[in-house]
C-alpha cells in the first residue's frame, strides 16, 4: 500500500489555511441585509457575524408598544446573522471543497 506524501499534504493544508484567512478577511468587508415588519426594521450584518447597523423607520416607533419594536429588531438581527452564516459557509466551503474529501466531517470546515 502506497504511503501518502506528507510533504504534499502539508503544503495543501498550508495553502488552504492561507486561502481561508483571505476569505475570512474578505467576509469582514461583505454585508448582508435582513428586515422585519415589512421593512420597517433593517439589520446590516457583516460576513464575520458582526452587526454593522440597524435602521428603524420612524413609523415603527410607538411609545405605547415598545415590545413590538423590540421583537422586530430581534427578528431582523437574527435573520441577518443567519444570512451572514450562510454567506460564510458558502465562501469557506469553496476553499475546502477541493481538499476535504466528500463525506468528511470536521467542525469548522463545512
Protein backbone atom coordinates (compact mmCIF):
# COMPACT_ATOMS: atom_id res chain seq x y z
CA UNK A 1 0.00 0.00 0.00
CA UNK A 2 1.39 3.36 -1.03
CA UNK A 3 2.08 5.83 1.77
CA UNK A 4 0.61 9.35 1.44
CA UNK A 5 3.03 12.13 0.51
CA UNK A 6 3.12 14.03 3.80
CA UNK A 7 5.06 16.94 2.35
CA UNK A 8 2.46 17.42 -0.36
CA UNK A 9 -0.36 17.13 2.17
CA UNK A 10 1.30 19.72 4.43
CA UNK A 11 1.63 22.13 1.50
CA UNK A 12 -2.06 21.65 0.68
CA UNK A 13 -3.06 22.33 4.28
CA UNK A 14 -0.89 25.45 4.41
CA UNK A 15 -2.40 26.69 1.14
CA UNK A 16 -5.91 26.03 2.46
CA UNK A 17 -5.10 27.95 5.67
CA UNK A 18 -3.87 30.92 3.65
CA UNK A 19 -6.96 30.84 1.44
CA UNK A 20 -9.25 30.59 4.46
CA UNK A 21 -7.54 33.56 6.11
CA UNK A 22 -8.10 35.56 2.92
CA UNK A 23 -11.75 34.54 2.74
CA UNK A 24 -12.28 35.43 6.40
CA UNK A 25 -10.73 38.86 5.83
CA UNK A 26 -12.98 39.38 2.81
CA UNK A 27 -16.04 38.27 4.80
CA UNK A 28 -15.44 41.08 7.30
CA UNK A 29 -15.97 43.50 4.40
CA UNK A 30 -19.09 41.85 2.93
CA UNK A 31 -22.55 42.54 4.30
CA UNK A 32 -25.99 41.02 4.17
CA UNK A 33 -29.26 42.79 4.85
CA UNK A 34 -32.34 41.46 6.58
CA UNK A 35 -35.57 43.17 7.50
CA UNK A 36 -38.67 42.58 9.60
CA UNK A 37 -42.10 44.10 9.81
CA UNK A 38 -42.35 44.67 6.10
CA UNK A 39 -39.06 46.55 6.07
CA UNK A 40 -39.63 48.92 8.98
CA UNK A 41 -36.59 47.43 10.75
CA UNK A 42 -33.47 46.51 8.79
CA UNK A 43 -30.28 44.93 10.11
CA UNK A 44 -26.98 45.03 8.25
CA UNK A 45 -24.64 42.20 9.29
CA UNK A 46 -21.07 41.60 8.12
CA UNK A 47 -19.90 38.24 6.85
CA UNK A 48 -17.93 37.76 10.07
CA UNK A 49 -21.23 37.84 12.03
CA UNK A 50 -20.85 41.33 13.45
CA UNK A 51 -23.81 43.67 13.43
CA UNK A 52 -22.92 46.74 11.38
CA UNK A 53 -26.12 48.74 11.79
CA UNK A 54 -29.85 48.74 12.45
CA UNK A 55 -32.23 51.06 10.63
CA UNK A 56 -35.66 51.77 12.08
CA UNK A 57 -38.35 53.54 10.13
CA UNK A 58 -39.83 56.28 12.34
CA UNK A 59 -43.31 54.84 11.72
CA UNK A 60 -42.26 51.78 13.77
CA UNK A 61 -41.65 53.87 16.87
CA UNK A 62 -44.77 53.71 19.02
CA UNK A 63 -44.07 54.60 22.67
CA UNK A 64 -47.13 52.60 23.72
CA UNK A 65 -45.84 49.42 22.02
CA UNK A 66 -42.09 49.21 22.63
CA UNK A 67 -42.31 45.40 22.78
CA UNK A 68 -43.30 45.22 19.11
CA UNK A 69 -40.28 47.29 18.09
CA UNK A 70 -38.01 45.12 20.23
CA UNK A 71 -39.42 41.99 18.57
CA UNK A 72 -38.88 43.47 15.10
CA UNK A 73 -35.27 44.40 15.90
CA UNK A 74 -34.60 40.92 17.28
CA UNK A 75 -36.15 39.26 14.22
CA UNK A 76 -34.19 41.42 11.78
CA UNK A 77 -30.87 40.86 13.59
CA UNK A 78 -31.41 37.10 13.86
CA UNK A 79 -32.25 36.85 10.16
CA UNK A 80 -29.18 38.93 9.31
CA UNK A 81 -26.97 36.65 11.39
CA UNK A 82 -28.46 33.59 9.69
CA UNK A 83 -27.75 35.06 6.25
CA UNK A 84 -24.25 36.00 7.35
CA UNK A 85 -23.52 32.44 8.49
CA UNK A 86 -24.80 31.10 5.16
CA UNK A 87 -22.51 33.51 3.31
CA UNK A 88 -19.51 32.45 5.41
CA UNK A 89 -20.28 28.75 4.93
CA UNK A 90 -20.54 29.22 1.17
CA UNK A 91 -17.27 31.16 0.92
CA UNK A 92 -15.29 28.89 3.24
CA UNK A 93 -16.83 25.77 1.70
CA UNK A 94 -15.45 26.81 -1.68
CA UNK A 95 -11.94 26.78 -0.19
CA UNK A 96 -12.24 23.38 1.46
CA UNK A 97 -14.17 21.68 -1.35
CA UNK A 98 -11.05 20.78 -3.31
CA UNK A 99 -9.08 19.49 -0.34
CA UNK A 100 -11.52 17.85 2.05
CA UNK A 101 -12.88 14.55 0.71
CA UNK A 102 -16.67 14.26 0.23
CA UNK A 103 -18.41 13.00 3.34
CA UNK A 104 -15.53 14.03 5.63
CA UNK A 105 -16.94 15.92 8.59
CA UNK A 106 -14.68 18.22 10.57
CA UNK A 107 -16.30 21.03 12.57
CA UNK A 108 -15.47 24.45 11.19
CA UNK A 109 -14.57 23.24 7.72
CA UNK A 110 -18.04 22.52 6.33
